[in-house]
Amino acid sequence: MDKSKIDLVILNMIMPDISGGNAYDTLKEINPNVKVLLSSGYSIDGEATEILERGCDGFIQKPFNMKRLSQSIRKIMDEK
């Protein structure tokens, strides 16, 4: 798989065995150009804010619908 062909990752804050922050850092090490949309059922405060300050491209609060997800993806992909 060509990692440079991945344009966007939807990253959940809470995952088994790894934090959202560590996953974000690993993604950026693999492909510094990948765009990341952070998702969480928790508020944007705390770790989510820290990840956004490190360059994460966006945040979407759970639960979300397809329209909101589509809008968030479009906004990120349209940014240069």
C-alpha atoms as a PDB file:
ATOM      1  CA  MET A   1       0.000   0.000   0.000  1.00  0.00           C
ATOM      2  CA  ASP A   2       1.302   3.431  -0.965  1.00  0.00           C
ATOM      3  CA  LYS A   3       0.886   5.513   2.207  1.00  0.00           C
ATOM      4  CA  SER A   4       1.217   8.754   0.245  1.00  0.00           C
ATOM      5  CA  LYS A   5      -2.132   8.007  -1.449  1.00  0.00           C
ATOM      6  CA  ILE A   6      -4.062   8.346   1.822  1.00  0.00           C
ATOM      7  CA  ASP A   7      -5.548  11.839   1.789  1.00  0.00           C
ATOM      8  CA  LEU A   8      -7.474  11.922   5.056  1.00  0.00           C
ATOM      9  CA  VAL A   9      -7.791   9.881   8.238  1.00  0.00           C
ATOM     10  CA  ILE A  10     -10.771  10.073  10.588  1.00  0.00           C
ATOM     11  CA  LEU A  11      -9.156   9.487  13.965  1.00  0.00           C
ATOM     12  CA  ASN A  12     -11.084   8.582  17.091  1.00  0.00           C
ATOM     13  CA  MET A  13      -9.721   9.982  20.355  1.00  0.00           C
ATOM     14  CA  ILE A  14     -10.225   6.788  22.343  1.00  0.00           C
ATOM     15  CA  MET A  15      -8.855   3.531  20.934  1.00  0.00           C
ATOM     16  CA  PRO A  16      -7.547   0.298  22.395  1.00  0.00           C
ATOM     17  CA  ASP A  17      -3.848   0.365  23.296  1.00  0.00           C
ATOM     18  CA  ILE A  18      -3.063   3.863  21.934  1.00  0.00           C
ATOM     19  CA  SER A  19      -4.207   7.395  22.642  1.00  0.00           C
ATOM     20  CA  GLY A  20      -5.486   9.723  19.954  1.00  0.00           C
ATOM     21  CA  GLY A  21      -2.428  11.917  20.457  1.00  0.00           C
ATOM     22  CA  ASN A  22       0.007   9.060  19.972  1.00  0.00           C
ATOM     23  CA  ALA A  23      -1.923   7.803  16.940  1.00  0.00           C
ATOM     24  CA  TYR A  24      -1.858  11.322  15.451  1.00  0.00           C
ATOM     25  CA  ASP A  25       1.909  11.603  15.954  1.00  0.00           C
ATOM     26  CA  THR A  26       2.457   8.190  14.353  1.00  0.00           C
ATOM     27  CA  LEU A  27       0.295   9.087  11.342  1.00  0.00           C
ATOM     28  CA  LYS A  28       2.293  12.288  10.816  1.00  0.00           C
ATOM     29  CA  GLU A  29       5.583  10.371  11.055  1.00  0.00           C
ATOM     30  CA  ILE A  30       4.380   7.980   8.351  1.00  0.00           C
ATOM     31  CA  ASN A  31       3.005  10.730   6.107  1.00  0.00           C
ATOM     32  CA  PRO A  32       3.519  14.357   7.172  1.00  0.00           C
ATOM     33  CA  ASN A  33       1.033  15.512   4.509  1.00  0.00           C
ATOM     34  CA  VAL A  34      -1.919  13.388   5.607  1.00  0.00           C
ATOM     35  CA  LYS A  35      -4.932  15.369   6.786  1.00  0.00           C
ATOM     36  CA  VAL A  36      -6.574  14.258  10.027  1.00  0.00           C
ATOM     37  CA  LEU A  37     -10.140  14.784  11.215  1.00  0.00           C
ATOM     38  CA  LEU A  38     -10.309  14.111  14.936  1.00  0.00           C
ATOM     39  CA  SER A  39     -13.534  12.600  16.292  1.00  0.00           C
ATOM     40  CA  SER A  40     -14.731  12.192  19.858  1.00  0.00           C
ATOM     41  CA  GLY A  41     -17.820  11.771  21.950  1.00  0.00           C
ATOM     42  CA  TYR A  42     -16.095  13.931  24.546  1.00  0.00           C
ATOM     43  CA  SER A  43     -15.759  17.706  24.340  1.00  0.00           C
ATOM     44  CA  ILE A  44     -13.053  19.438  22.355  1.00  0.00           C
ATOM     45  CA  ASP A  45     -11.344  20.435  25.623  1.00  0.00           C
ATOM     46  CA  GLY A  46      -8.311  18.589  26.909  1.00  0.00           C
ATOM     47  CA  GLU A  47      -6.373  16.202  24.677  1.00  0.00           C
ATOM     48  CA  ALA A  48      -8.406  17.114  21.574  1.00  0.00           C
ATOM     49  CA  THR A  49      -7.355  20.756  21.894  1.00  0.00           C
ATOM     50  CA  GLU A  50      -3.715  19.721  22.306  1.00  0.00           C
ATOM     51  CA  ILE A  51      -3.851  17.620  19.125  1.00  0.00           C
ATOM     52  CA  LEU A  52      -5.512  20.446  17.195  1.00  0.00           C
ATOM     53  CA  GLU A  53      -2.786  22.830  18.379  1.00  0.00           C
ATOM     54  CA  ARG A  54      -0.166  20.403  17.022  1.00  0.00           C
ATOM     55  CA  GLY A  55      -1.644  20.759  13.542  1.00  0.00           C
ATOM     56  CA  CYS A  56      -4.619  18.421  13.359  1.00  0.00           C
ATOM     57  CA  ASP A  57      -6.918  19.629  10.582  1.00  0.00           C
ATOM     58  CA  GLY A  58     -10.330  19.467  12.256  1.00  0.00           C
ATOM     59  CA  PHE A  59     -12.600  18.108  14.951  1.00  0.00           C
ATOM     60  CA  ILE A  60     -16.060  16.545  14.763  1.00  0.00           C
ATOM     61  CA  GLN A  61     -18.167  15.837  17.843  1.00  0.00           C
ATOM     62  CA  LYS A  62     -19.952  12.488  18.109  1.00  0.00           C
ATOM     63  CA  PRO A  63     -22.627  11.658  17.400  1.00  0.00           C
ATOM     64  CA  PHE A  64     -22.579  13.141  13.920  1.00  0.00           C
ATOM     65  CA  ASN A  65     -24.609  12.488  10.800  1.00  0.00           C
ATOM     66  CA  MET A  66     -23.422  11.965   7.236  1.00  0.00           C
ATOM     67  CA  LYS A  67     -24.130  15.582   6.276  1.00  0.00           C
ATOM     68  CA  ARG A  68     -21.976  16.950   9.106  1.00  0.00           C
ATOM     69  CA  LEU A  69     -19.212  14.431   8.351  1.00  0.00           C
ATOM     70  CA  SER A  70     -19.314  15.311   4.654  1.00  0.00           C
ATOM     71  CA  GLN A  71     -19.108  19.035   5.440  1.00  0.00           C
ATOM     72  CA  SER A  72     -16.142  18.512   7.768  1.00  0.00           C
ATOM     73  CA  ILE A  73     -14.281  16.410   5.210  1.00  0.00           C
ATOM     74  CA  ARG A  74     -14.993  18.897   2.416  1.00  0.00           C
ATOM     75  CA  LYS A  75     -13.735  21.811   4.537  1.00  0.00           C
ATOM     76  CA  ILE A  76     -10.472  20.003   5.322  1.00  0.00           C
ATOM     77  CA  MET A  77      -9.900  18.784   1.767  1.00  0.00           C
ATOM     78  CA  ASP A  78     -10.535  22.255   0.311  1.00  0.00           C
ATOM     79  CA  GLU A  79      -7.872  23.856   2.523  1.00  0.00           C
ATOM     80  CA  LYS A  80      -4.494  24.202   0.836  1.00  0.00           C
END
